[in-house]
Amino acid sequence: MTDSMRLAELVCVRLVHDLGGLLGSLAGVLELVRDTEQIVSEEMELATETASELVQRLRYLRVAWGGRSEDMDLVTLRDGIQWMTEARRFAVDLDGIPPHAVLTSPMARLVLNVILLAREALPRGGVLEFSGDPTDCLVARICGPGAAWPVGLAAYIQDEAHAWAALDHPRDLQAPLTALIARLEGIKLSFLLPVASGAPTGAPPLLLTPP
């Protein structure tokens, strides 16, 4: 099987996993409404919220995984991640970026993937902080209990072949995929401090440097 085919399969499985729960909740509410033959306000509110999150998540993943789109300002970025941060233990702090900054399409795509990666790196909740100028260098810091970038991320960043080889399970897709997208978009992804290849990385700042 080719690397590209393996990646396509993993992305499909990951999408089904991530979206299946939301679709299941939505279907359950609709079945309840059908069975009772009446509109129950609480259930319909839940259905509306679930459908809204599903739409927002699909739009997010279309940009993060589906290819380039338009350049993105911070207002658009904040709107795009709202579904991920509302009423949850994960927050994204963009105050360290100049308020009128614009992320080019490649940088925006990588930032969206770093946000997904950071959420996985903060299993008990926490904050992802961005700082710097996206035309020069963005710094991404994760802060929270047990904060740690995925094991092997340093190796995926340093060696493209290692990243392709790591694509073996949908659950562990985001780390090698983020490294590969950085290479594809021509953006240098690196750690502020040296990290041993293949070892647990802890939480040193991650640098995103455009060409």
C-alpha atoms as a PDB file:
ATOM      1  CA  MET A   1       0.000   0.000   0.000  1.00  0.00           C
ATOM      2  CA  THR A   2       1.338   3.449  -0.880  1.00  0.00           C
ATOM      3  CA  ASP A   3       1.921   6.119   1.770  1.00  0.00           C
ATOM      4  CA  SER A   4      -0.727   8.381   0.247  1.00  0.00           C
ATOM      5  CA  MET A   5      -3.317   5.579   0.232  1.00  0.00           C
ATOM      6  CA  ARG A   6      -2.539   4.713   3.863  1.00  0.00           C
ATOM      7  CA  LEU A   7      -2.912   8.371   4.819  1.00  0.00           C
ATOM      8  CA  ALA A   8      -6.244   8.635   2.996  1.00  0.00           C
ATOM      9  CA  GLU A   9      -7.560   5.562   4.826  1.00  0.00           C
ATOM     10  CA  LEU A  10      -6.436   6.865   8.220  1.00  0.00           C
ATOM     11  CA  VAL A  11      -8.010  10.269   7.643  1.00  0.00           C
ATOM     12  CA  CYS A  12     -11.307   8.621   6.657  1.00  0.00           C
ATOM     13  CA  VAL A  13     -11.318   6.428   9.769  1.00  0.00           C
ATOM     14  CA  ARG A  14     -10.421   9.388  11.972  1.00  0.00           C
ATOM     15  CA  LEU A  15     -13.249  11.488  10.499  1.00  0.00           C
ATOM     16  CA  VAL A  16     -15.768   8.715  11.056  1.00  0.00           C
ATOM     17  CA  HIS A  17     -14.597   8.364  14.656  1.00  0.00           C
ATOM     18  CA  ASP A  18     -14.618  12.102  15.404  1.00  0.00           C
ATOM     19  CA  LEU A  19     -17.971  12.815  13.804  1.00  0.00           C
ATOM     20  CA  GLY A  20     -19.769   9.587  14.633  1.00  0.00           C
ATOM     21  CA  GLY A  21     -20.565  10.600  18.207  1.00  0.00           C
ATOM     22  CA  LEU A  22     -22.131  13.876  17.156  1.00  0.00           C
ATOM     23  CA  LEU A  23     -24.195  12.224  14.449  1.00  0.00           C
ATOM     24  CA  GLY A  24     -25.305   9.563  16.915  1.00  0.00           C
ATOM     25  CA  SER A  25     -26.487  12.200  19.391  1.00  0.00           C
ATOM     26  CA  LEU A  26     -28.330  14.078  16.676  1.00  0.00           C
ATOM     27  CA  ALA A  27     -30.003  10.910  15.400  1.00  0.00           C
ATOM     28  CA  GLY A  28     -31.064   9.977  18.927  1.00  0.00           C
ATOM     29  CA  VAL A  29     -32.780  13.305  19.484  1.00  0.00           C
ATOM     30  CA  LEU A  30     -34.557  13.144  16.137  1.00  0.00           C
ATOM     31  CA  GLU A  31     -35.790   9.630  16.900  1.00  0.00           C
ATOM     32  CA  LEU A  32     -37.111  10.823  20.259  1.00  0.00           C
ATOM     33  CA  VAL A  33     -38.997  13.665  18.612  1.00  0.00           C
ATOM     34  CA  ARG A  34     -40.427  11.261  16.027  1.00  0.00           C
ATOM     35  CA  ASP A  35     -41.520   8.731  18.635  1.00  0.00           C
ATOM     36  CA  THR A  36     -43.190  11.297  20.878  1.00  0.00           C
ATOM     37  CA  GLU A  37     -44.654  13.145  17.909  1.00  0.00           C
ATOM     38  CA  GLN A  38     -44.019  16.429  19.610  1.00  0.00           C
ATOM     39  CA  ILE A  39     -41.204  18.952  19.733  1.00  0.00           C
ATOM     40  CA  VAL A  40     -39.504  18.879  23.117  1.00  0.00           C
ATOM     41  CA  SER A  41     -37.672  22.166  23.637  1.00  0.00           C
ATOM     42  CA  GLU A  42     -34.650  20.751  25.496  1.00  0.00           C
ATOM     43  CA  GLU A  43     -34.127  17.945  22.995  1.00  0.00           C
ATOM     44  CA  MET A  44     -34.473  20.294  20.058  1.00  0.00           C
ATOM     45  CA  GLU A  45     -31.986  22.684  21.617  1.00  0.00           C
ATOM     46  CA  LEU A  46     -29.538  19.812  21.985  1.00  0.00           C
ATOM     47  CA  ALA A  47     -30.128  18.790  18.375  1.00  0.00           C
ATOM     48  CA  THR A  48     -29.521  22.341  17.185  1.00  0.00           C
ATOM     49  CA  GLU A  49     -26.302  22.653  19.183  1.00  0.00           C
ATOM     50  CA  THR A  50     -25.063  19.282  17.968  1.00  0.00           C
ATOM     51  CA  ALA A  51     -25.811  20.078  14.338  1.00  0.00           C
ATOM     52  CA  SER A  52     -24.068  23.454  14.687  1.00  0.00           C
ATOM     53  CA  GLU A  53     -20.939  21.863  16.163  1.00  0.00           C
ATOM     54  CA  LEU A  54     -20.938  19.233  13.441  1.00  0.00           C
ATOM     55  CA  VAL A  55     -21.021  21.901  10.720  1.00  0.00           C
ATOM     56  CA  GLN A  56     -18.280  23.938  12.429  1.00  0.00           C
ATOM     57  CA  ARG A  57     -16.077  20.894  12.909  1.00  0.00           C
ATOM     58  CA  LEU A  58     -16.433  19.852   9.273  1.00  0.00           C
ATOM     59  CA  ARG A  59     -15.529  23.365   8.110  1.00  0.00           C
ATOM     60  CA  TYR A  60     -12.498  23.335  10.399  1.00  0.00           C
ATOM     61  CA  LEU A  61     -11.261  19.961   9.168  1.00  0.00           C
ATOM     62  CA  ARG A  62     -11.840  20.940   5.544  1.00  0.00           C
ATOM     63  CA  VAL A  63      -9.255  23.703   5.921  1.00  0.00           C
ATOM     64  CA  ALA A  64      -6.913  21.791   8.260  1.00  0.00           C
ATOM     65  CA  TRP A  65      -6.848  18.536   6.296  1.00  0.00           C
ATOM     66  CA  GLY A  66      -8.435  19.290   2.944  1.00  0.00           C
ATOM     67  CA  GLY A  67      -6.016  21.795   1.477  1.00  0.00           C
ATOM     68  CA  ARG A  68      -5.559  25.503   1.075  1.00  0.00           C
ATOM     69  CA  SER A  69      -8.231  28.143   1.448  1.00  0.00           C
ATOM     70  CA  GLU A  70      -8.126  31.893   1.972  1.00  0.00           C
ATOM     71  CA  ASP A  71      -5.788  33.872   4.220  1.00  0.00           C
ATOM     72  CA  MET A  72      -7.162  34.161   7.748  1.00  0.00           C
ATOM     73  CA  ASP A  73      -7.332  37.018  10.245  1.00  0.00           C
ATOM     74  CA  LEU A  74      -7.606  36.486  14.014  1.00  0.00           C
ATOM     75  CA  VAL A  75     -11.346  37.145  14.095  1.00  0.00           C
ATOM     76  CA  THR A  76     -11.923  34.344  11.590  1.00  0.00           C
ATOM     77  CA  LEU A  77      -9.538  32.072  13.483  1.00  0.00           C
ATOM     78  CA  ARG A  78     -11.335  32.690  16.787  1.00  0.00           C
ATOM     79  CA  ASP A  79     -14.686  31.990  15.167  1.00  0.00           C
ATOM     80  CA  GLY A  80     -13.324  28.801  13.634  1.00  0.00           C
ATOM     81  CA  ILE A  81     -12.119  27.324  16.929  1.00  0.00           C
ATOM     82  CA  GLN A  82     -15.119  28.335  19.025  1.00  0.00           C
ATOM     83  CA  TRP A  83     -16.714  24.878  18.792  1.00  0.00           C
ATOM     84  CA  MET A  84     -13.536  23.387  20.273  1.00  0.00           C
ATOM     85  CA  THR A  85     -13.131  25.719  23.239  1.00  0.00           C
ATOM     86  CA  GLU A  86     -16.652  26.539  24.436  1.00  0.00           C
ATOM     87  CA  ALA A  87     -17.602  24.826  27.727  1.00  0.00           C
ATOM     88  CA  ARG A  88     -14.471  22.687  27.580  1.00  0.00           C
ATOM     89  CA  ARG A  89     -11.214  22.486  29.477  1.00  0.00           C
ATOM     90  CA  PHE A  90      -9.178  23.448  26.410  1.00  0.00           C
ATOM     91  CA  ALA A  91      -8.517  27.097  25.550  1.00  0.00           C
ATOM     92  CA  VAL A  92      -6.528  28.866  22.824  1.00  0.00           C
ATOM     93  CA  ASP A  93      -4.922  32.209  23.707  1.00  0.00           C
ATOM     94  CA  LEU A  94      -4.202  34.393  20.666  1.00  0.00           C
ATOM     95  CA  ASP A  95      -3.453  37.597  22.595  1.00  0.00           C
ATOM     96  CA  GLY A  96       0.282  37.267  21.922  1.00  0.00           C
ATOM     97  CA  ILE A  97      -0.279  37.782  18.179  1.00  0.00           C
ATOM     98  CA  PRO A  98      -0.644  41.363  16.851  1.00  0.00           C
ATOM     99  CA  PRO A  99      -4.408  42.030  16.644  1.00  0.00           C
ATOM    100  CA  HIS A 100      -4.384  42.964  12.963  1.00  0.00           C
ATOM    101  CA  ALA A 101      -2.138  40.095  11.896  1.00  0.00           C
ATOM    102  CA  VAL A 102      -3.194  37.939   8.949  1.00  0.00           C
ATOM    103  CA  LEU A 103      -2.180  34.319   8.588  1.00  0.00           C
ATOM    104  CA  THR A 104      -1.361  33.283   5.047  1.00  0.00           C
ATOM    105  CA  SER A 105      -3.258  30.247   3.820  1.00  0.00           C
ATOM    106  CA  PRO A 106      -0.303  27.851   4.465  1.00  0.00           C
ATOM    107  CA  MET A 107       0.301  29.272   7.955  1.00  0.00           C
ATOM    108  CA  ALA A 108      -3.417  29.166   8.799  1.00  0.00           C
ATOM    109  CA  ARG A 109      -3.604  25.521   7.789  1.00  0.00           C
ATOM    110  CA  LEU A 110      -0.619  24.611   9.942  1.00  0.00           C
ATOM    111  CA  VAL A 111      -1.944  26.608  12.911  1.00  0.00           C
ATOM    112  CA  LEU A 112      -5.244  24.713  12.723  1.00  0.00           C
ATOM    113  CA  ASN A 113      -3.343  21.426  12.845  1.00  0.00           C
ATOM    114  CA  VAL A 114      -1.158  22.598  15.725  1.00  0.00           C
ATOM    115  CA  ILE A 115      -4.353  23.450  17.623  1.00  0.00           C
ATOM    116  CA  LEU A 116      -5.648  19.912  17.069  1.00  0.00           C
ATOM    117  CA  LEU A 117      -2.272  18.567  18.155  1.00  0.00           C
ATOM    118  CA  ALA A 118      -2.240  20.719  21.298  1.00  0.00           C
ATOM    119  CA  ARG A 119      -5.689  19.529  22.309  1.00  0.00           C
ATOM    120  CA  GLU A 120      -4.363  15.962  22.234  1.00  0.00           C
ATOM    121  CA  ALA A 121      -1.274  17.073  24.174  1.00  0.00           C
ATOM    122  CA  LEU A 122      -3.485  18.419  26.988  1.00  0.00           C
ATOM    123  CA  PRO A 123      -5.615  15.391  27.952  1.00  0.00           C
ATOM    124  CA  ARG A 124      -6.483  16.920  31.343  1.00  0.00           C
ATOM    125  CA  GLY A 125      -7.139  20.373  29.943  1.00  0.00           C
ATOM    126  CA  GLY A 126      -5.040  23.470  29.625  1.00  0.00           C
ATOM    127  CA  VAL A 127      -4.164  26.367  27.366  1.00  0.00           C
ATOM    128  CA  LEU A 128      -2.426  26.678  24.020  1.00  0.00           C
ATOM    129  CA  GLU A 129      -0.756  30.077  23.801  1.00  0.00           C
ATOM    130  CA  PHE A 130       0.356  31.623  20.511  1.00  0.00           C
ATOM    131  CA  SER A 131       2.718  34.571  20.342  1.00  0.00           C
ATOM    132  CA  GLY A 132       4.804  36.327  17.712  1.00  0.00           C
ATOM    133  CA  ASP A 133       4.296  37.603  14.189  1.00  0.00           C
ATOM    134  CA  PRO A 134       2.971  35.017  11.696  1.00  0.00           C
ATOM    135  CA  THR A 135       5.049  36.629   8.920  1.00  0.00           C
ATOM    136  CA  ASP A 136       8.226  36.009  10.946  1.00  0.00           C
ATOM    137  CA  CYS A 137       7.745  33.270  13.546  1.00  0.00           C
ATOM    138  CA  LEU A 138       4.876  32.016  15.666  1.00  0.00           C
ATOM    139  CA  VAL A 139       5.543  30.396  19.032  1.00  0.00           C
ATOM    140  CA  ALA A 140       3.087  27.793  20.358  1.00  0.00           C
ATOM    141  CA  ARG A 141       3.191  26.904  24.079  1.00  0.00           C
ATOM    142  CA  ILE A 142       1.013  24.371  25.866  1.00  0.00           C
ATOM    143  CA  CYS A 143       0.344  24.806  29.575  1.00  0.00           C
ATOM    144  CA  GLY A 144      -1.624  22.454  31.781  1.00  0.00           C
ATOM    145  CA  PRO A 145      -1.371  19.373  34.013  1.00  0.00           C
ATOM    146  CA  GLY A 146       0.623  16.692  32.246  1.00  0.00           C
ATOM    147  CA  ALA A 147       1.165  18.856  29.165  1.00  0.00           C
ATOM    148  CA  ALA A 148       3.387  16.997  26.709  1.00  0.00           C
ATOM    149  CA  TRP A 149       3.691  16.919  22.944  1.00  0.00           C
ATOM    150  CA  PRO A 150       3.197  13.411  21.499  1.00  0.00           C
ATOM    151  CA  VAL A 151       6.085  10.976  21.729  1.00  0.00           C
ATOM    152  CA  GLY A 152       7.971  10.949  18.439  1.00  0.00           C
ATOM    153  CA  LEU A 153       6.953  14.429  17.290  1.00  0.00           C
ATOM    154  CA  ALA A 154      10.580  15.573  17.198  1.00  0.00           C
ATOM    155  CA  ALA A 155      11.472  12.647  14.938  1.00  0.00           C
ATOM    156  CA  TYR A 156       8.516  13.325  12.616  1.00  0.00           C
ATOM    157  CA  ILE A 157       9.627  16.949  12.271  1.00  0.00           C
ATOM    158  CA  GLN A 158      13.230  16.024  11.528  1.00  0.00           C
ATOM    159  CA  ASP A 159      12.633  13.113   9.160  1.00  0.00           C
ATOM    160  CA  GLU A 160       9.825  12.967   6.599  1.00  0.00           C
ATOM    161  CA  ALA A 161      10.264   9.221   6.132  1.00  0.00           C
ATOM    162  CA  HIS A 162       9.802   8.731   9.863  1.00  0.00           C
ATOM    163  CA  ALA A 163       6.549  10.700   9.741  1.00  0.00           C
ATOM    164  CA  TRP A 164       5.197   8.598   6.858  1.00  0.00           C
ATOM    165  CA  ALA A 165       6.193   5.405   8.665  1.00  0.00           C
ATOM    166  CA  ALA A 166       4.309   6.537  11.785  1.00  0.00           C
ATOM    167  CA  LEU A 167       0.980   6.630   9.950  1.00  0.00           C
ATOM    168  CA  ASP A 168      -0.298   3.338  11.321  1.00  0.00           C
ATOM    169  CA  HIS A 169      -3.307   4.182  13.513  1.00  0.00           C
ATOM    170  CA  PRO A 170      -6.071   6.818  13.278  1.00  0.00           C
ATOM    171  CA  ARG A 171      -5.730   7.669  16.973  1.00  0.00           C
ATOM    172  CA  ASP A 172      -2.089   8.718  16.460  1.00  0.00           C
ATOM    173  CA  LEU A 173      -2.632  10.480  13.139  1.00  0.00           C
ATOM    174  CA  GLN A 174      -2.319  14.120  14.169  1.00  0.00           C
ATOM    175  CA  ALA A 175       1.380  14.295  15.136  1.00  0.00           C
ATOM    176  CA  PRO A 176       2.910  12.856  11.921  1.00  0.00           C
ATOM    177  CA  LEU A 177       0.231  14.579   9.825  1.00  0.00           C
ATOM    178  CA  THR A 178       1.112  17.988  11.318  1.00  0.00           C
ATOM    179  CA  ALA A 179       4.798  17.433  10.546  1.00  0.00           C
ATOM    180  CA  LEU A 180       4.000  16.411   6.957  1.00  0.00           C
ATOM    181  CA  ILE A 181       1.702  19.395   6.395  1.00  0.00           C
ATOM    182  CA  ALA A 182       4.436  21.748   7.645  1.00  0.00           C
ATOM    183  CA  ARG A 183       6.814  20.298   5.049  1.00  0.00           C
ATOM    184  CA  LEU A 184       4.193  20.472   2.309  1.00  0.00           C
ATOM    185  CA  GLU A 185       3.469  24.128   3.073  1.00  0.00           C
ATOM    186  CA  GLY A 186       7.167  25.040   3.292  1.00  0.00           C
ATOM    187  CA  ILE A 187       6.952  26.119   6.946  1.00  0.00           C
ATOM    188  CA  LYS A 188       9.698  25.108   9.336  1.00  0.00           C
ATOM    189  CA  LEU A 189       8.358  23.377  12.426  1.00  0.00           C
ATOM    190  CA  SER A 190      10.861  23.111  15.276  1.00  0.00           C
ATOM    191  CA  PHE A 191      11.285  23.119  19.034  1.00  0.00           C
ATOM    192  CA  LEU A 192      12.772  26.079  20.859  1.00  0.00           C
ATOM    193  CA  LEU A 193      14.926  23.657  22.846  1.00  0.00           C
ATOM    194  CA  PRO A 194      16.641  20.548  21.437  1.00  0.00           C
ATOM    195  CA  VAL A 195      14.576  17.401  21.882  1.00  0.00           C
ATOM    196  CA  ALA A 196      15.907  13.856  21.547  1.00  0.00           C
ATOM    197  CA  SER A 197      14.533  12.176  18.447  1.00  0.00           C
ATOM    198  CA  GLY A 198      11.761   9.720  19.247  1.00  0.00           C
ATOM    199  CA  ALA A 199      11.715  10.565  22.955  1.00  0.00           C
ATOM    200  CA  PRO A 200       8.890  12.090  24.975  1.00  0.00           C
ATOM    201  CA  THR A 201       9.087  15.792  24.259  1.00  0.00           C
ATOM    202  CA  GLY A 202       7.528  17.318  27.360  1.00  0.00           C
ATOM    203  CA  ALA A 203       6.245  20.776  26.525  1.00  0.00           C
ATOM    204  CA  PRO A 204       8.967  22.968  25.029  1.00  0.00           C
ATOM    205  CA  PRO A 205       7.637  25.784  22.815  1.00  0.00           C
ATOM    206  CA  LEU A 206       6.977  24.857  19.220  1.00  0.00           C
ATOM    207  CA  LEU A 207       8.118  27.298  16.529  1.00  0.00           C
ATOM    208  CA  LEU A 208       6.335  27.850  13.214  1.00  0.00           C
ATOM    209  CA  THR A 209       8.645  29.731  10.849  1.00  0.00           C
ATOM    210  CA  PRO A 210       7.479  30.649   7.319  1.00  0.00           C
ATOM    211  CA  PRO A 211       9.964  30.596   4.430  1.00  0.00           C
END
